[in-house]
Amino acid sequence: MYPRGRIVEFTNREEGFCDSFILIPGMTIMSNTFQGIVYFIFLIYLFLGISIISDIFMEAIEVITSQKRVFHHKDENGIMV
């Protein structure tokens, strides 16, 4: 830790620096186990959101497909089909 609580990450020029939108600053000092648990909980949260949205979508599809209409039309001979 540096003064005023900032975390500074250093690297040499050969390695390069990882500018990822997934990793937040300071994640490299956390253990891999903790990061795995956090990512797993976030993944479960996303799957729950997708399941809720898909349930609403399926209910809408059931409402649309439950509507029945009967069409009567006559063929060339005047017989109802």
PDB file of N, CA and C in Angstrom:
ATOM      1  N   MET A   1       0.842  -1.177   0.000  1.00  0.00           N
ATOM      2  CA  MET A   1       0.000   0.000   0.000  1.00  0.00           C
ATOM      3  C   MET A   1       0.885   1.237   0.000  1.00  0.00           C
ATOM      4  N   TYR A   2       0.392   2.208  -0.677  1.00  0.00           N
ATOM      5  CA  TYR A   2       1.084   3.469  -0.777  1.00  0.00           C
ATOM      6  C   TYR A   2       0.327   4.514   0.025  1.00  0.00           C
ATOM      7  N   PRO A   3       0.921   5.668   0.229  1.00  0.00           N
ATOM      8  CA  PRO A   3       0.219   6.716   0.983  1.00  0.00           C
ATOM      9  C   PRO A   3      -1.149   7.016   0.364  1.00  0.00           C
ATOM     10  N   ARG A   4      -2.085   7.357   1.168  1.00  0.00           N
ATOM     11  CA  ARG A   4      -3.452   7.700   0.770  1.00  0.00           C
ATOM     12  C   ARG A   4      -4.206   6.489   0.236  1.00  0.00           C
ATOM     13  N   GLY A   5      -3.709   5.268   0.498  1.00  0.00           N
ATOM     14  CA  GLY A   5      -4.454   4.058   0.207  1.00  0.00           C
ATOM     15  C   GLY A   5      -4.502   3.635  -1.248  1.00  0.00           C
ATOM     16  N   ARG A   6      -3.637   4.138  -2.101  1.00  0.00           N
ATOM     17  CA  ARG A   6      -3.668   3.751  -3.508  1.00  0.00           C
ATOM     18  C   ARG A   6      -2.903   2.459  -3.725  1.00  0.00           C
ATOM     19  N   ILE A   7      -3.377   1.650  -4.652  1.00  0.00           N
ATOM     20  CA  ILE A   7      -2.684   0.430  -5.031  1.00  0.00           C
ATOM     21  C   ILE A   7      -2.047   0.683  -6.395  1.00  0.00           C
ATOM     22  N   VAL A   8      -0.738   0.483  -6.483  1.00  0.00           N
ATOM     23  CA  VAL A   8      -0.020   0.722  -7.733  1.00  0.00           C
ATOM     24  C   VAL A   8       0.495  -0.612  -8.232  1.00  0.00           C
ATOM     25  N   GLU A   9       0.269  -0.893  -9.511  1.00  0.00           N
ATOM     26  CA  GLU A   9       0.744  -2.134 -10.106  1.00  0.00           C
ATOM     27  C   GLU A   9       1.854  -1.798 -11.101  1.00  0.00           C
ATOM     28  N   PHE A  10       2.995  -2.454 -10.946  1.00  0.00           N
ATOM     29  CA  PHE A  10       4.135  -2.221 -11.822  1.00  0.00           C
ATOM     30  C   PHE A  10       4.328  -3.417 -12.744  1.00  0.00           C
ATOM     31  N   THR A  11       4.872  -3.171 -13.896  1.00  0.00           N
ATOM     32  CA  THR A  11       5.198  -4.234 -14.831  1.00  0.00           C
ATOM     33  C   THR A  11       6.406  -3.804 -15.655  1.00  0.00           C
ATOM     34  N   ASN A  12       7.099  -4.785 -16.225  1.00  0.00           N
ATOM     35  CA  ASN A  12       8.195  -4.411 -17.100  1.00  0.00           C
ATOM     36  C   ASN A  12       7.673  -4.312 -18.539  1.00  0.00           C
ATOM     37  N   ARG A  13       8.470  -3.819 -19.443  1.00  0.00           N
ATOM     38  CA  ARG A  13       7.994  -3.577 -20.804  1.00  0.00           C
ATOM     39  C   ARG A  13       7.759  -4.849 -21.602  1.00  0.00           C
ATOM     40  N   GLU A  14       8.442  -5.937 -21.252  1.00  0.00           N
ATOM     41  CA  GLU A  14       8.273  -7.174 -22.008  1.00  0.00           C
ATOM     42  C   GLU A  14       6.914  -7.810 -21.749  1.00  0.00           C
ATOM     43  N   GLU A  15       6.419  -7.751 -20.532  1.00  0.00           N
ATOM     44  CA  GLU A  15       5.155  -8.389 -20.182  1.00  0.00           C
ATOM     45  C   GLU A  15       3.949  -7.629 -20.709  1.00  0.00           C
ATOM     46  N   GLY A  16       3.988  -6.349 -20.666  1.00  0.00           N
ATOM     47  CA  GLY A  16       2.812  -5.561 -21.005  1.00  0.00           C
ATOM     48  C   GLY A  16       1.896  -5.468 -19.801  1.00  0.00           C
ATOM     49  N   PHE A  17       0.865  -4.694 -19.929  1.00  0.00           N
ATOM     50  CA  PHE A  17      -0.059  -4.486 -18.824  1.00  0.00           C
ATOM     51  C   PHE A  17      -1.447  -4.871 -19.272  1.00  0.00           C
ATOM     52  N   CYS A  18      -2.174  -5.552 -18.438  1.00  0.00           N
ATOM     53  CA  CYS A  18      -3.503  -6.037 -18.775  1.00  0.00           C
ATOM     54  C   CYS A  18      -4.529  -4.941 -18.496  1.00  0.00           C
ATOM     55  N   ASP A  19      -5.078  -4.348 -19.558  1.00  0.00           N
ATOM     56  CA  ASP A  19      -6.151  -3.368 -19.416  1.00  0.00           C
ATOM     57  C   ASP A  19      -7.460  -4.069 -19.704  1.00  0.00           C
ATOM     58  N   SER A  20      -8.027  -4.676 -18.695  1.00  0.00           N
ATOM     59  CA  SER A  20      -9.253  -5.442 -18.843  1.00  0.00           C
ATOM     60  C   SER A  20     -10.402  -4.700 -18.186  1.00  0.00           C
ATOM     61  N   PHE A  21     -11.578  -4.729 -18.836  1.00  0.00           N
ATOM     62  CA  PHE A  21     -12.745  -4.102 -18.233  1.00  0.00           C
ATOM     63  C   PHE A  21     -13.380  -5.025 -17.203  1.00  0.00           C
ATOM     64  N   ILE A  22     -12.968  -6.290 -17.154  1.00  0.00           N
ATOM     65  CA  ILE A  22     -13.522  -7.243 -16.200  1.00  0.00           C
ATOM     66  C   ILE A  22     -12.832  -7.101 -14.841  1.00  0.00           C
ATOM     67  N   LEU A  23     -11.530  -6.914 -14.850  1.00  0.00           N
ATOM     68  CA  LEU A  23     -10.781  -6.811 -13.608  1.00  0.00           C
ATOM     69  C   LEU A  23     -10.829  -5.386 -13.081  1.00  0.00           C
ATOM     70  N   ILE A  24     -11.082  -5.262 -11.796  1.00  0.00           N
ATOM     71  CA  ILE A  24     -11.060  -3.948 -11.169  1.00  0.00           C
ATOM     72  C   ILE A  24      -9.693  -3.749 -10.537  1.00  0.00           C
ATOM     73  N   PRO A  25      -9.290  -2.498 -10.308  1.00  0.00           N
ATOM     74  CA  PRO A  25      -7.977  -2.272  -9.696  1.00  0.00           C
ATOM     75  C   PRO A  25      -7.869  -2.964  -8.346  1.00  0.00           C
ATOM     76  N   GLY A  26      -6.742  -3.585  -8.108  1.00  0.00           N
ATOM     77  CA  GLY A  26      -6.498  -4.266  -6.850  1.00  0.00           C
ATOM     78  C   GLY A  26      -6.884  -5.734  -6.854  1.00  0.00           C
ATOM     79  N   MET A  27      -7.440  -6.239  -7.951  1.00  0.00           N
ATOM     80  CA  MET A  27      -7.839  -7.647  -7.994  1.00  0.00           C
ATOM     81  C   MET A  27      -6.633  -8.577  -7.974  1.00  0.00           C
ATOM     82  N   THR A  28      -5.496  -8.090  -8.407  1.00  0.00           N
ATOM     83  CA  THR A  28      -4.319  -8.959  -8.454  1.00  0.00           C
ATOM     84  C   THR A  28      -3.794  -9.295  -7.072  1.00  0.00           C
ATOM     85  N   ILE A  29      -4.150  -8.513  -6.052  1.00  0.00           N
ATOM     86  CA  ILE A  29      -3.662  -8.819  -4.707  1.00  0.00           C
ATOM     87  C   ILE A  29      -4.606  -9.767  -3.978  1.00  0.00           C
ATOM     88  N   MET A  30      -5.774 -10.055  -4.584  1.00  0.00           N
ATOM     89  CA  MET A  30      -6.711 -11.006  -3.981  1.00  0.00           C
ATOM     90  C   MET A  30      -6.348 -12.418  -4.427  1.00  0.00           C
ATOM     91  N   SER A  31      -6.694 -13.388  -3.615  1.00  0.00           N
ATOM     92  CA  SER A  31      -6.347 -14.764  -3.951  1.00  0.00           C
ATOM     93  C   SER A  31      -7.212 -15.265  -5.108  1.00  0.00           C
ATOM     94  N   ASN A  32      -6.691 -16.265  -5.818  1.00  0.00           N
ATOM     95  CA  ASN A  32      -7.439 -16.848  -6.928  1.00  0.00           C
ATOM     96  C   ASN A  32      -8.718 -17.524  -6.456  1.00  0.00           C
ATOM     97  N   THR A  33      -8.691 -18.086  -5.260  1.00  0.00           N
ATOM     98  CA  THR A  33      -9.880 -18.724  -4.705  1.00  0.00           C
ATOM     99  C   THR A  33     -10.988 -17.699  -4.481  1.00  0.00           C
ATOM    100  N   PHE A  34     -10.641 -16.567  -3.895  1.00  0.00           N
ATOM    101  CA  PHE A  34     -11.628 -15.510  -3.657  1.00  0.00           C
ATOM    102  C   PHE A  34     -12.189 -14.982  -4.976  1.00  0.00           C
ATOM    103  N   GLN A  35     -11.324 -14.770  -5.962  1.00  0.00           N
ATOM    104  CA  GLN A  35     -11.783 -14.295  -7.267  1.00  0.00           C
ATOM    105  C   GLN A  35     -12.714 -15.312  -7.918  1.00  0.00           C
ATOM    106  N   GLY A  36     -12.381 -16.603  -7.801  1.00  0.00           N
ATOM    107  CA  GLY A  36     -13.235 -17.646  -8.364  1.00  0.00           C
ATOM    108  C   GLY A  36     -14.610 -17.664  -7.719  1.00  0.00           C
ATOM    109  N   ILE A  37     -14.657 -17.488  -6.406  1.00  0.00           N
ATOM    110  CA  ILE A  37     -15.938 -17.463  -5.704  1.00  0.00           C
ATOM    111  C   ILE A  37     -16.764 -16.255  -6.136  1.00  0.00           C
ATOM    112  N   VAL A  38     -16.131 -15.099  -6.232  1.00  0.00           N
ATOM    113  CA  VAL A  38     -16.839 -13.882  -6.653  1.00  0.00           C
ATOM    114  C   VAL A  38     -17.378 -14.044  -8.070  1.00  0.00           C
ATOM    115  N   TYR A  39     -16.572 -14.547  -8.996  1.00  0.00           N
ATOM    116  CA  TYR A  39     -17.027 -14.739 -10.373  1.00  0.00           C
ATOM    117  C   TYR A  39     -18.145 -15.778 -10.449  1.00  0.00           C
ATOM    118  N   PHE A  40     -18.075 -16.840  -9.631  1.00  0.00           N
ATOM    119  CA  PHE A  40     -19.110 -17.865  -9.632  1.00  0.00           C
ATOM    120  C   PHE A  40     -20.440 -17.301  -9.126  1.00  0.00           C
ATOM    121  N   ILE A  41     -20.399 -16.512  -8.061  1.00  0.00           N
ATOM    122  CA  ILE A  41     -21.621 -15.884  -7.543  1.00  0.00           C
ATOM    123  C   ILE A  41     -22.212 -14.935  -8.581  1.00  0.00           C
ATOM    124  N   PHE A  42     -21.372 -14.181  -9.262  1.00  0.00           N
ATOM    125  CA  PHE A  42     -21.848 -13.270 -10.310  1.00  0.00           C
ATOM    126  C   PHE A  42     -22.458 -14.058 -11.470  1.00  0.00           C
ATOM    127  N   LEU A  43     -21.879 -15.192 -11.813  1.00  0.00           N
ATOM    128  CA  LEU A  43     -22.411 -16.040 -12.879  1.00  0.00           C
ATOM    129  C   LEU A  43     -23.783 -16.590 -12.508  1.00  0.00           C
ATOM    130  N   ILE A  44     -23.948 -17.034 -11.268  1.00  0.00           N
ATOM    131  CA  ILE A  44     -25.248 -17.512 -10.792  1.00  0.00           C
ATOM    132  C   ILE A  44     -26.274 -16.379 -10.847  1.00  0.00           C
ATOM    133  N   TYR A  45     -25.877 -15.172 -10.456  1.00  0.00           N
ATOM    134  CA  TYR A  45     -26.758 -14.007 -10.498  1.00  0.00           C
ATOM    135  C   TYR A  45     -27.231 -13.735 -11.927  1.00  0.00           C
ATOM    136  N   LEU A  46     -26.324 -13.827 -12.898  1.00  0.00           N
ATOM    137  CA  LEU A  46     -26.700 -13.614 -14.297  1.00  0.00           C
ATOM    138  C   LEU A  46     -27.654 -14.697 -14.794  1.00  0.00           C
ATOM    139  N   PHE A  47     -27.403 -15.954 -14.440  1.00  0.00           N
ATOM    140  CA  PHE A  47     -28.294 -17.033 -14.865  1.00  0.00           C
ATOM    141  C   PHE A  47     -29.684 -16.892 -14.258  1.00  0.00           C
ATOM    142  N   LEU A  48     -29.782 -16.434 -13.017  1.00  0.00           N
ATOM    143  CA  LEU A  48     -31.090 -16.197 -12.417  1.00  0.00           C
ATOM    144  C   LEU A  48     -31.839 -15.096 -13.164  1.00  0.00           C
ATOM    145  N   GLY A  49     -31.142 -14.056 -13.547  1.00  0.00           N
ATOM    146  CA  GLY A  49     -31.768 -12.979 -14.320  1.00  0.00           C
ATOM    147  C   GLY A  49     -32.269 -13.471 -15.666  1.00  0.00           C
ATOM    148  N   ILE A  50     -31.477 -14.289 -16.337  1.00  0.00           N
ATOM    149  CA  ILE A  50     -31.892 -14.833 -17.629  1.00  0.00           C
ATOM    150  C   ILE A  50     -33.090 -15.752 -17.467  1.00  0.00           C
ATOM    151  N   SER A  51     -33.125 -16.533 -16.389  1.00  0.00           N
ATOM    152  CA  SER A  51     -34.267 -17.438 -16.182  1.00  0.00           C
ATOM    153  C   SER A  51     -35.547 -16.657 -15.917  1.00  0.00           C
ATOM    154  N   ILE A  52     -35.471 -15.565 -15.184  1.00  0.00           N
ATOM    155  CA  ILE A  52     -36.666 -14.743 -14.928  1.00  0.00           C
ATOM    156  C   ILE A  52     -37.179 -14.131 -16.222  1.00  0.00           C
ATOM    157  N   ILE A  53     -36.278 -13.608 -17.034  1.00  0.00           N
ATOM    158  CA  ILE A  53     -36.684 -12.993 -18.299  1.00  0.00           C
ATOM    159  C   ILE A  53     -37.260 -14.035 -19.246  1.00  0.00           C
ATOM    160  N   SER A  54     -36.659 -15.224 -19.293  1.00  0.00           N
ATOM    161  CA  SER A  54     -37.183 -16.256 -20.196  1.00  0.00           C
ATOM    162  C   SER A  54     -38.545 -16.771 -19.728  1.00  0.00           C
ATOM    163  N   ASP A  55     -38.802 -16.810 -18.413  1.00  0.00           N
ATOM    164  CA  ASP A  55     -40.125 -17.193 -17.925  1.00  0.00           C
ATOM    165  C   ASP A  55     -41.187 -16.202 -18.379  1.00  0.00           C
ATOM    166  N   ILE A  56     -40.888 -14.916 -18.291  1.00  0.00           N
ATOM    167  CA  ILE A  56     -41.833 -13.898 -18.741  1.00  0.00           C
ATOM    168  C   ILE A  56     -42.069 -14.029 -20.240  1.00  0.00           C
ATOM    169  N   PHE A  57     -41.024 -14.279 -20.991  1.00  0.00           N
ATOM    170  CA  PHE A  57     -41.141 -14.432 -22.438  1.00  0.00           C
ATOM    171  C   PHE A  57     -41.982 -15.654 -22.792  1.00  0.00           C
ATOM    172  N   MET A  58     -41.771 -16.767 -22.085  1.00  0.00           N
ATOM    173  CA  MET A  58     -42.546 -17.977 -22.368  1.00  0.00           C
ATOM    174  C   MET A  58     -44.018 -17.798 -22.016  1.00  0.00           C
ATOM    175  N   GLU A  59     -44.316 -17.061 -20.952  1.00  0.00           N
ATOM    176  CA  GLU A  59     -45.717 -16.780 -20.625  1.00  0.00           C
ATOM    177  C   GLU A  59     -46.380 -15.981 -21.734  1.00  0.00           C
ATOM    178  N   ALA A  60     -45.665 -15.038 -22.305  1.00  0.00           N
ATOM    179  CA  ALA A  60     -46.211 -14.246 -23.408  1.00  0.00           C
ATOM    180  C   ALA A  60     -46.454 -15.126 -24.630  1.00  0.00           C
ATOM    181  N   ILE A  61     -45.545 -16.049 -24.907  1.00  0.00           N
ATOM    182  CA  ILE A  61     -45.730 -16.961 -26.037  1.00  0.00           C
ATOM    183  C   ILE A  61     -46.929 -17.866 -25.799  1.00  0.00           C
ATOM    184  N   GLU A  62     -47.132 -18.337 -24.573  1.00  0.00           N
ATOM    185  CA  GLU A  62     -48.290 -19.178 -24.264  1.00  0.00           C
ATOM    186  C   GLU A  62     -49.599 -18.423 -24.457  1.00  0.00           C
ATOM    187  N   VAL A  63     -49.632 -17.153 -24.088  1.00  0.00           N
ATOM    188  CA  VAL A  63     -50.848 -16.352 -24.279  1.00  0.00           C
ATOM    189  C   VAL A  63     -51.142 -16.191 -25.768  1.00  0.00           C
ATOM    190  N   ILE A  64     -50.112 -15.934 -26.536  1.00  0.00           N
ATOM    191  CA  ILE A  64     -50.306 -15.737 -27.979  1.00  0.00           C
ATOM    192  C   ILE A  64     -50.767 -17.028 -28.643  1.00  0.00           C
ATOM    193  N   THR A  65     -50.155 -18.146 -28.292  1.00  0.00           N
ATOM    194  CA  THR A  65     -50.497 -19.408 -28.957  1.00  0.00           C
ATOM    195  C   THR A  65     -51.788 -20.033 -28.427  1.00  0.00           C
ATOM    196  N   SER A  66     -52.302 -19.581 -27.286  1.00  0.00           N
ATOM    197  CA  SER A  66     -53.541 -20.159 -26.761  1.00  0.00           C
ATOM    198  C   SER A  66     -54.782 -19.591 -27.448  1.00  0.00           C
ATOM    199  N   GLN A  67     -54.623 -18.500 -28.158  1.00  0.00           N
ATOM    200  CA  GLN A  67     -55.759 -17.922 -28.870  1.00  0.00           C
ATOM    201  C   GLN A  67     -56.029 -18.748 -30.120  1.00  0.00           C
ATOM    202  N   LYS A  68     -57.280 -19.229 -30.252  1.00  0.00           N
ATOM    203  CA  LYS A  68     -57.640 -20.063 -31.397  1.00  0.00           C
ATOM    204  C   LYS A  68     -58.692 -19.345 -32.224  1.00  0.00           C
ATOM    205  N   ARG A  69     -58.555 -19.443 -33.500  1.00  0.00           N
ATOM    206  CA  ARG A  69     -59.536 -18.892 -34.417  1.00  0.00           C
ATOM    207  C   ARG A  69     -59.891 -19.964 -35.435  1.00  0.00           C
ATOM    208  N   VAL A  70     -61.164 -20.015 -35.769  1.00  0.00           N
ATOM    209  CA  VAL A  70     -61.620 -20.981 -36.753  1.00  0.00           C
ATOM    210  C   VAL A  70     -62.022 -20.199 -38.002  1.00  0.00           C
ATOM    211  N   PHE A  71     -61.401 -20.545 -39.094  1.00  0.00           N
ATOM    212  CA  PHE A  71     -61.715 -19.900 -40.362  1.00  0.00           C
ATOM    213  C   PHE A  71     -62.503 -20.876 -41.224  1.00  0.00           C
ATOM    214  N   HIS A  72     -63.637 -20.425 -41.735  1.00  0.00           N
ATOM    215  CA  HIS A  72     -64.453 -21.232 -42.640  1.00  0.00           C
ATOM    216  C   HIS A  72     -64.359 -20.607 -44.022  1.00  0.00           C
ATOM    217  N   HIS A  73     -64.036 -21.423 -44.964  1.00  0.00           N
ATOM    218  CA  HIS A  73     -64.061 -20.941 -46.342  1.00  0.00           C
ATOM    219  C   HIS A  73     -64.555 -22.067 -47.242  1.00  0.00           C
ATOM    220  N   LYS A  74     -65.046 -21.684 -48.377  1.00  0.00           N
ATOM    221  CA  LYS A  74     -65.598 -22.662 -49.322  1.00  0.00           C
ATOM    222  C   LYS A  74     -64.607 -22.884 -50.447  1.00  0.00           C
ATOM    223  N   ASP A  75     -64.532 -24.147 -50.874  1.00  0.00           N
ATOM    224  CA  ASP A  75     -63.678 -24.451 -52.011  1.00  0.00           C
ATOM    225  C   ASP A  75     -64.464 -24.188 -53.310  1.00  0.00           C
ATOM    226  N   GLU A  76     -63.907 -24.601 -54.436  1.00  0.00           N
ATOM    227  CA  GLU A  76     -64.503 -24.318 -55.739  1.00  0.00           C
ATOM    228  C   GLU A  76     -65.906 -24.904 -55.895  1.00  0.00           C
ATOM    229  N   ASN A  77     -66.178 -26.037 -55.243  1.00  0.00           N
ATOM    230  CA  ASN A  77     -67.462 -26.704 -55.354  1.00  0.00           C
ATOM    231  C   ASN A  77     -68.489 -26.211 -54.337  1.00  0.00           C
ATOM    232  N   GLY A  78     -68.141 -25.258 -53.517  1.00  0.00           N
ATOM    233  CA  GLY A  78     -69.054 -24.734 -52.524  1.00  0.00           C
ATOM    234  C   GLY A  78     -69.096 -25.528 -51.238  1.00  0.00           C
ATOM    235  N   ILE A  79     -68.139 -26.431 -51.041  1.00  0.00           N
ATOM    236  CA  ILE A  79     -68.096 -27.248 -49.840  1.00  0.00           C
ATOM    237  C   ILE A  79     -67.271 -26.516 -48.784  1.00  0.00           C
ATOM    238  N   MET A  80     -67.793 -26.487 -47.556  1.00  0.00           N
ATOM    239  CA  MET A  80     -67.058 -25.838 -46.453  1.00  0.00           C
ATOM    240  C   MET A  80     -65.834 -26.665 -46.081  1.00  0.00           C
ATOM    241  N   VAL A  81     -64.737 -26.036 -45.964  1.00  0.00           N
ATOM    242  CA  VAL A  81     -63.494 -26.711 -45.602  1.00  0.00           C
ATOM    243  C   VAL A  81     -63.031 -26.227 -44.268  1.00  0.00           C
TER     244      VAL A  81
END
